[in-house]
Amino acid sequence: MITVAIAEDHQSLIDGVTLLLKYEEEISVIGMANDGEALLDIIRRKQPMVVLTDIRMPKIDGIAATSIIKKEYPHIKVIAFSMFDQEEAIRQMFEAGASGYLLKNSPLEEVLIAIQEVVKGNTYYDEAIDISSILPTTGHKTKKQLLSKSERQILTLIGQGKSSSEIAAIRFNSVSTIETHRKNIIRKLGLKGKGELLRYAIEKKYDFE
C-alpha cells in the first residue's frame, strides 16, 4: 500500500486529488494539510511514503517543508504540485530533494502516474517542463535512461504489437493511464506521434526488455 499525504491551501484541489486516489486499491491518502506546518505535523506522526505538496503555502512553504522532510525522513518521496512553472521554483524544489514536479493544470491521471513512479525510485516531471534546461547537472542521458522502468516495459509491449487496452490488462492499469504513459514516452524520446512510437518500439524492442 502506497500511503500519501497532500498539502495544498485550496481544499477543493485536495478534494479532487483525494477523489481520484480513492478508487486506487494500492494507494491510501492518510493525511491532508492546508499549510506547511500542518504538513510537517502529519509527516512526523504518520510518515507517508509520498508527499504531494504545493510550493506557496502559509506558515512554511513547500520548498522549506521539502528540505525538512528529506532531512528527517530521506526515504519519503516528495512531489511538487504547483501552478508555478518558473525555472527557479522548479530548481529549488529539486535541490530541496523533490522527486517530481507537476503543474496544477495537469490531468489528475498524471498525479497517479507520478506517485507510482517516484515510489519505484524514478523521478517524474510534468510534460510541460523541459527538465534538461533547468537541471543541466543531470548530464546527458541515453534514450533508454530517459524512460522510467514502467515506460520501458510499456515500450516493449508496444513493440510486441500490443494495443493500449491489452497493455492495460497486462499491467492492471486503466487504458487512460497507458495512454498518458504513451504521450510521455513520445515526448521524452522526441517522437512525432503514435506511428513513429510504434516504429521506434519495434526497432528497439529488445533494447528495452
C-alpha atoms as a PDB file:
ATOM      1  CA  MET A   1       0.000   0.000   0.000  1.00  0.00           C
ATOM      2  CA  ILE A   2       1.332   3.419  -1.013  1.00  0.00           C
ATOM      3  CA  THR A   3       0.494   5.950   1.684  1.00  0.00           C
ATOM      4  CA  VAL A   4       0.156   9.586   0.615  1.00  0.00           C
ATOM      5  CA  ALA A   5      -0.105  12.966   2.333  1.00  0.00           C
ATOM      6  CA  ILE A   6      -1.354  16.035   0.440  1.00  0.00           C
ATOM      7  CA  ALA A   7      -0.548  19.646   1.289  1.00  0.00           C
ATOM      8  CA  GLU A   8      -2.423  22.397  -0.533  1.00  0.00           C
ATOM      9  CA  ASP A   9      -4.017  25.624   0.688  1.00  0.00           C
ATOM     10  CA  HIS A  10      -7.032  25.170  -1.602  1.00  0.00           C
ATOM     11  CA  GLN A  11      -9.217  22.478  -0.087  1.00  0.00           C
ATOM     12  CA  SER A  12     -11.136  21.941  -3.324  1.00  0.00           C
ATOM     13  CA  LEU A  13      -7.947  20.781  -5.052  1.00  0.00           C
ATOM     14  CA  ILE A  14      -7.161  18.402  -2.191  1.00  0.00           C
ATOM     15  CA  ASP A  15     -10.684  17.021  -2.503  1.00  0.00           C
ATOM     16  CA  GLY A  16     -10.238  16.489  -6.244  1.00  0.00           C
ATOM     17  CA  VAL A  17      -6.958  14.591  -5.885  1.00  0.00           C
ATOM     18  CA  THR A  18      -8.311  12.574  -2.969  1.00  0.00           C
ATOM     19  CA  LEU A  19     -11.344  11.581  -5.015  1.00  0.00           C
ATOM     20  CA  LEU A  20      -9.071  10.403  -7.840  1.00  0.00           C
ATOM     21  CA  LEU A  21      -6.965   8.284  -5.500  1.00  0.00           C
ATOM     22  CA  LYS A  22      -9.940   6.943  -3.553  1.00  0.00           C
ATOM     23  CA  TYR A  23     -10.562   4.229  -6.119  1.00  0.00           C
ATOM     24  CA  GLU A  24      -6.938   3.086  -6.355  1.00  0.00           C
ATOM     25  CA  GLU A  25      -6.604  -0.043  -4.240  1.00  0.00           C
ATOM     26  CA  GLU A  26      -2.847   0.302  -3.818  1.00  0.00           C
ATOM     27  CA  ILE A  27      -2.961   3.946  -2.654  1.00  0.00           C
ATOM     28  CA  SER A  28      -4.253   5.406   0.604  1.00  0.00           C
ATOM     29  CA  VAL A  29      -4.409   9.125   1.474  1.00  0.00           C
ATOM     30  CA  ILE A  30      -3.526   9.248   5.180  1.00  0.00           C
ATOM     31  CA  GLY A  31      -3.183  12.980   5.701  1.00  0.00           C
ATOM     32  CA  MET A  32      -4.276  16.354   4.311  1.00  0.00           C
ATOM     33  CA  ALA A  33      -2.911  19.773   5.250  1.00  0.00           C
ATOM     34  CA  ASN A  34      -3.596  23.364   4.227  1.00  0.00           C
ATOM     35  CA  ASP A  35      -0.205  24.757   5.292  1.00  0.00           C
ATOM     36  CA  GLY A  36       3.392  23.616   5.654  1.00  0.00           C
ATOM     37  CA  GLU A  37       3.324  23.499   9.439  1.00  0.00           C
ATOM     38  CA  ALA A  38       0.358  21.132   9.452  1.00  0.00           C
ATOM     39  CA  LEU A  39       2.077  19.028   6.774  1.00  0.00           C
ATOM     40  CA  LEU A  40       5.174  18.529   8.910  1.00  0.00           C
ATOM     41  CA  ASP A  41       2.969  17.511  11.831  1.00  0.00           C
ATOM     42  CA  ILE A  42       1.345  14.835   9.636  1.00  0.00           C
ATOM     43  CA  ILE A  43       4.740  13.658   8.389  1.00  0.00           C
ATOM     44  CA  ARG A  44       6.097  13.229  11.896  1.00  0.00           C
ATOM     45  CA  ARG A  45       3.026  11.385  13.124  1.00  0.00           C
ATOM     46  CA  LYS A  46       2.256   9.169  10.124  1.00  0.00           C
ATOM     47  CA  GLN A  47       5.348   9.085   7.871  1.00  0.00           C
ATOM     48  CA  PRO A  48       3.628   8.590   4.491  1.00  0.00           C
ATOM     49  CA  MET A  49       5.581   7.120   1.598  1.00  0.00           C
ATOM     50  CA  VAL A  50       4.764  10.034  -0.730  1.00  0.00           C
ATOM     51  CA  VAL A  51       4.032  13.718  -0.150  1.00  0.00           C
ATOM     52  CA  LEU A  52       2.231  15.800  -2.759  1.00  0.00           C
ATOM     53  CA  THR A  53       2.793  19.430  -1.846  1.00  0.00           C
ATOM     54  CA  ASP A  54       2.112  22.900  -3.143  1.00  0.00           C
ATOM     55  CA  ILE A  55       5.020  25.358  -3.131  1.00  0.00           C
ATOM     56  CA  ARG A  56       3.292  28.536  -1.988  1.00  0.00           C
ATOM     57  CA  MET A  57       1.650  27.732   1.354  1.00  0.00           C
ATOM     58  CA  PRO A  58       1.055  29.615   4.618  1.00  0.00           C
ATOM     59  CA  LYS A  59       3.439  29.310   7.590  1.00  0.00           C
ATOM     60  CA  ILE A  60       6.049  27.104   5.870  1.00  0.00           C
ATOM     61  CA  ASP A  61       6.327  26.991   2.095  1.00  0.00           C
ATOM     62  CA  GLY A  62       6.707  23.784   0.107  1.00  0.00           C
ATOM     63  CA  ILE A  63      10.421  24.273  -0.576  1.00  0.00           C
ATOM     64  CA  ALA A  64      11.301  24.670   3.102  1.00  0.00           C
ATOM     65  CA  ALA A  65       8.946  21.849   4.067  1.00  0.00           C
ATOM     66  CA  THR A  66      10.557  19.540   1.499  1.00  0.00           C
ATOM     67  CA  SER A  67      14.036  20.307   2.859  1.00  0.00           C
ATOM     68  CA  ILE A  68      12.901  19.466   6.376  1.00  0.00           C
ATOM     69  CA  ILE A  69      11.112  16.290   5.293  1.00  0.00           C
ATOM     70  CA  LYS A  70      14.111  14.981   3.344  1.00  0.00           C
ATOM     71  CA  LYS A  71      16.474  15.786   6.201  1.00  0.00           C
ATOM     72  CA  GLU A  72      14.371  13.991   8.801  1.00  0.00           C
ATOM     73  CA  TYR A  73      12.951  11.218   6.582  1.00  0.00           C
ATOM     74  CA  PRO A  74      15.151  10.718   3.493  1.00  0.00           C
ATOM     75  CA  HIS A  75      13.062   7.748   2.335  1.00  0.00           C
ATOM     76  CA  ILE A  76       9.893   9.822   1.891  1.00  0.00           C
ATOM     77  CA  LYS A  77       9.285  10.867  -1.722  1.00  0.00           C
ATOM     78  CA  VAL A  78       8.105  14.415  -2.383  1.00  0.00           C
ATOM     79  CA  ILE A  79       6.254  15.609  -5.478  1.00  0.00           C
ATOM     80  CA  ALA A  80       5.739  19.329  -6.039  1.00  0.00           C
ATOM     81  CA  PHE A  81       2.220  20.223  -7.169  1.00  0.00           C
ATOM     82  CA  SER A  82       2.190  23.840  -8.223  1.00  0.00           C
ATOM     83  CA  MET A  83       0.822  26.422 -10.621  1.00  0.00           C
ATOM     84  CA  PHE A  84       4.333  27.885 -10.950  1.00  0.00           C
ATOM     85  CA  ASP A  85       6.459  26.726 -13.869  1.00  0.00           C
ATOM     86  CA  GLN A  86       9.299  29.189 -13.322  1.00  0.00           C
ATOM     87  CA  GLU A  87      12.708  27.585 -13.622  1.00  0.00           C
ATOM     88  CA  GLU A  88      13.891  28.891 -10.255  1.00  0.00           C
ATOM     89  CA  ALA A  89      10.969  27.360  -8.352  1.00  0.00           C
ATOM     90  CA  ILE A  90      11.461  24.013 -10.076  1.00  0.00           C
ATOM     91  CA  ARG A  91      15.197  24.067  -9.433  1.00  0.00           C
ATOM     92  CA  GLN A  92      14.713  24.939  -5.766  1.00  0.00           C
ATOM     93  CA  MET A  93      12.262  22.076  -5.259  1.00  0.00           C
ATOM     94  CA  PHE A  94      14.633  19.535  -6.794  1.00  0.00           C
ATOM     95  CA  GLU A  95      17.550  20.929  -4.804  1.00  0.00           C
ATOM     96  CA  ALA A  96      15.415  20.537  -1.681  1.00  0.00           C
ATOM     97  CA  GLY A  97      15.013  16.847  -2.538  1.00  0.00           C
ATOM     98  CA  ALA A  98      11.788  16.563  -4.538  1.00  0.00           C
ATOM     99  CA  SER A  99      11.465  13.541  -6.831  1.00  0.00           C
ATOM    100  CA  GLY A 100       8.773  15.019  -9.058  1.00  0.00           C
ATOM    101  CA  TYR A 101       7.141  18.242 -10.212  1.00  0.00           C
ATOM    102  CA  LEU A 102       3.605  18.547 -11.556  1.00  0.00           C
ATOM    103  CA  LEU A 103       1.674  21.599 -12.679  1.00  0.00           C
ATOM    104  CA  LYS A 104      -1.835  22.017 -11.336  1.00  0.00           C
ATOM    105  CA  ASN A 105      -3.306  22.066 -14.821  1.00  0.00           C
ATOM    106  CA  SER A 106      -2.026  18.519 -15.396  1.00  0.00           C
ATOM    107  CA  PRO A 107      -4.646  15.781 -15.849  1.00  0.00           C
ATOM    108  CA  LEU A 108      -5.354  14.166 -12.488  1.00  0.00           C
ATOM    109  CA  GLU A 109      -4.450  10.860 -14.099  1.00  0.00           C
ATOM    110  CA  GLU A 110      -0.882  12.134 -14.264  1.00  0.00           C
ATOM    111  CA  VAL A 111      -0.838  12.614 -10.489  1.00  0.00           C
ATOM    112  CA  LEU A 112      -1.435   8.887 -10.096  1.00  0.00           C
ATOM    113  CA  ILE A 113       1.375   8.017 -12.502  1.00  0.00           C
ATOM    114  CA  ALA A 114       3.769  10.407 -10.749  1.00  0.00           C
ATOM    115  CA  ILE A 115       3.067   8.776  -7.384  1.00  0.00           C
ATOM    116  CA  GLN A 116       3.641   5.302  -8.793  1.00  0.00           C
ATOM    117  CA  GLU A 117       6.884   6.337 -10.467  1.00  0.00           C
ATOM    118  CA  VAL A 118       8.551   8.086  -7.525  1.00  0.00           C
ATOM    119  CA  VAL A 119       7.786   5.132  -5.246  1.00  0.00           C
ATOM    120  CA  LYS A 120       9.799   2.983  -7.678  1.00  0.00           C
ATOM    121  CA  GLY A 121      12.741   5.340  -7.290  1.00  0.00           C
ATOM    122  CA  ASN A 122      12.190   7.251 -10.524  1.00  0.00           C
ATOM    123  CA  THR A 123      11.782  10.986 -10.983  1.00  0.00           C
ATOM    124  CA  TYR A 124       8.706  12.389 -12.647  1.00  0.00           C
ATOM    125  CA  TYR A 125       8.101  15.831 -14.076  1.00  0.00           C
ATOM    126  CA  ASP A 126       5.241  17.497 -15.907  1.00  0.00           C
ATOM    127  CA  GLU A 127       5.341  17.142 -19.684  1.00  0.00           C
ATOM    128  CA  ALA A 128       5.291  20.944 -19.997  1.00  0.00           C
ATOM    129  CA  ILE A 129       8.636  21.200 -18.196  1.00  0.00           C
ATOM    130  CA  ASP A 130      11.945  20.874 -20.037  1.00  0.00           C
ATOM    131  CA  ILE A 131      13.913  19.488 -17.124  1.00  0.00           C
ATOM    132  CA  SER A 132      17.159  19.277 -19.106  1.00  0.00           C
ATOM    133  CA  SER A 133      17.398  23.056 -19.349  1.00  0.00           C
ATOM    134  CA  ILE A 134      16.572  23.534 -15.681  1.00  0.00           C
ATOM    135  CA  LEU A 135      18.810  20.856 -14.234  1.00  0.00           C
ATOM    136  CA  PRO A 136      21.808  20.655 -16.560  1.00  0.00           C
ATOM    137  CA  THR A 137      23.832  18.875 -13.879  1.00  0.00           C
ATOM    138  CA  THR A 138      21.835  15.720 -14.536  1.00  0.00           C
ATOM    139  CA  GLY A 139      24.099  15.259 -17.584  1.00  0.00           C
ATOM    140  CA  HIS A 140      23.324  13.647 -20.888  1.00  0.00           C
ATOM    141  CA  LYS A 141      21.228  10.523 -20.771  1.00  0.00           C
ATOM    142  CA  THR A 142      20.635   7.873 -23.365  1.00  0.00           C
ATOM    143  CA  LYS A 143      17.100   7.471 -24.624  1.00  0.00           C
ATOM    144  CA  LYS A 144      16.818   4.316 -22.550  1.00  0.00           C
ATOM    145  CA  GLN A 145      17.818   6.208 -19.395  1.00  0.00           C
ATOM    146  CA  LEU A 146      15.254   8.921 -20.131  1.00  0.00           C
ATOM    147  CA  LEU A 147      12.437   6.420 -19.618  1.00  0.00           C
ATOM    148  CA  SER A 148      11.294   5.044 -16.290  1.00  0.00           C
ATOM    149  CA  LYS A 149      11.141   1.285 -15.748  1.00  0.00           C
ATOM    150  CA  SER A 150       7.377   1.346 -16.332  1.00  0.00           C
ATOM    151  CA  GLU A 151       7.791   3.285 -19.569  1.00  0.00           C
ATOM    152  CA  ARG A 152      10.441   0.851 -20.799  1.00  0.00           C
ATOM    153  CA  GLN A 153       8.130  -2.073 -20.052  1.00  0.00           C
ATOM    154  CA  ILE A 154       5.270  -0.390 -21.909  1.00  0.00           C
ATOM    155  CA  LEU A 155       7.542   0.406 -24.839  1.00  0.00           C
ATOM    156  CA  THR A 156       8.489  -3.267 -25.021  1.00  0.00           C
ATOM    157  CA  LEU A 157       4.801  -4.254 -25.110  1.00  0.00           C
ATOM    158  CA  ILE A 158       4.140  -1.664 -27.815  1.00  0.00           C
ATOM    159  CA  GLY A 159       6.977  -3.215 -29.799  1.00  0.00           C
ATOM    160  CA  GLN A 160       5.226  -6.573 -29.441  1.00  0.00           C
ATOM    161  CA  GLY A 161       2.189  -5.073 -31.154  1.00  0.00           C
ATOM    162  CA  LYS A 162       0.022  -4.747 -28.043  1.00  0.00           C
ATOM    163  CA  SER A 163      -2.775  -2.165 -28.011  1.00  0.00           C
ATOM    164  CA  SER A 164      -3.327   0.222 -25.099  1.00  0.00           C
ATOM    165  CA  SER A 165      -6.240  -1.902 -23.842  1.00  0.00           C
ATOM    166  CA  GLU A 166      -4.112  -5.059 -23.992  1.00  0.00           C
ATOM    167  CA  ILE A 167      -1.231  -3.351 -22.177  1.00  0.00           C
ATOM    168  CA  ALA A 168      -3.664  -2.033 -19.549  1.00  0.00           C
ATOM    169  CA  ALA A 169      -4.942  -5.571 -18.925  1.00  0.00           C
ATOM    170  CA  ILE A 170      -1.413  -6.972 -18.670  1.00  0.00           C
ATOM    171  CA  ARG A 171      -0.271  -4.254 -16.242  1.00  0.00           C
ATOM    172  CA  PHE A 172      -3.547  -3.960 -14.329  1.00  0.00           C
ATOM    173  CA  ASN A 173      -3.791  -0.263 -15.247  1.00  0.00           C
ATOM    174  CA  SER A 174      -6.575   1.782 -16.789  1.00  0.00           C
ATOM    175  CA  VAL A 175      -6.420   2.494 -20.513  1.00  0.00           C
ATOM    176  CA  SER A 176      -6.137   6.224 -19.772  1.00  0.00           C
ATOM    177  CA  THR A 177      -3.047   5.552 -17.630  1.00  0.00           C
ATOM    178  CA  ILE A 178      -1.407   3.699 -20.513  1.00  0.00           C
ATOM    179  CA  GLU A 179      -2.337   6.499 -22.919  1.00  0.00           C
ATOM    180  CA  THR A 180      -0.717   9.033 -20.581  1.00  0.00           C
ATOM    181  CA  HIS A 181       2.413   6.882 -20.485  1.00  0.00           C
ATOM    182  CA  ARG A 182       2.411   6.745 -24.300  1.00  0.00           C
ATOM    183  CA  LYS A 183       2.274  10.542 -24.510  1.00  0.00           C
ATOM    184  CA  ASN A 184       5.135  10.877 -22.033  1.00  0.00           C
ATOM    185  CA  ILE A 185       7.258   8.338 -23.926  1.00  0.00           C
ATOM    186  CA  ILE A 186       6.642  10.198 -27.195  1.00  0.00           C
ATOM    187  CA  ARG A 187       7.635  13.479 -25.541  1.00  0.00           C
ATOM    188  CA  LYS A 188      10.747  12.108 -23.836  1.00  0.00           C
ATOM    189  CA  LEU A 189      12.027  10.394 -26.973  1.00  0.00           C
ATOM    190  CA  GLY A 190      11.260  13.368 -29.206  1.00  0.00           C
ATOM    191  CA  LEU A 191       8.951  11.379 -31.465  1.00  0.00           C
ATOM    192  CA  LYS A 192       6.150  12.828 -33.585  1.00  0.00           C
ATOM    193  CA  GLY A 193       3.190  10.589 -32.829  1.00  0.00           C
ATOM    194  CA  LYS A 194       1.866   7.085 -32.292  1.00  0.00           C
ATOM    195  CA  GLY A 195       3.047   5.842 -35.679  1.00  0.00           C
ATOM    196  CA  GLU A 196       6.625   6.895 -35.011  1.00  0.00           C
ATOM    197  CA  LEU A 197       6.377   5.477 -31.491  1.00  0.00           C
ATOM    198  CA  LEU A 198       5.353   2.087 -32.858  1.00  0.00           C
ATOM    199  CA  ARG A 199       8.213   2.060 -35.374  1.00  0.00           C
ATOM    200  CA  TYR A 200      10.703   3.031 -32.690  1.00  0.00           C
ATOM    201  CA  ALA A 201       9.336   0.403 -30.289  1.00  0.00           C
ATOM    202  CA  ILE A 202       9.625  -2.343 -32.915  1.00  0.00           C
ATOM    203  CA  GLU A 203      13.185  -1.333 -33.788  1.00  0.00           C
ATOM    204  CA  LYS A 204      14.290  -1.072 -30.145  1.00  0.00           C
ATOM    205  CA  LYS A 205      12.126  -3.865 -28.720  1.00  0.00           C
ATOM    206  CA  TYR A 206      14.966  -5.953 -27.294  1.00  0.00           C
ATOM    207  CA  ASP A 207      16.944  -2.960 -26.028  1.00  0.00           C
ATOM    208  CA  PHE A 208      14.212  -2.101 -23.537  1.00  0.00           C
ATOM    209  CA  GLU A 209      13.407  -5.549 -22.168  1.00  0.00           C
END
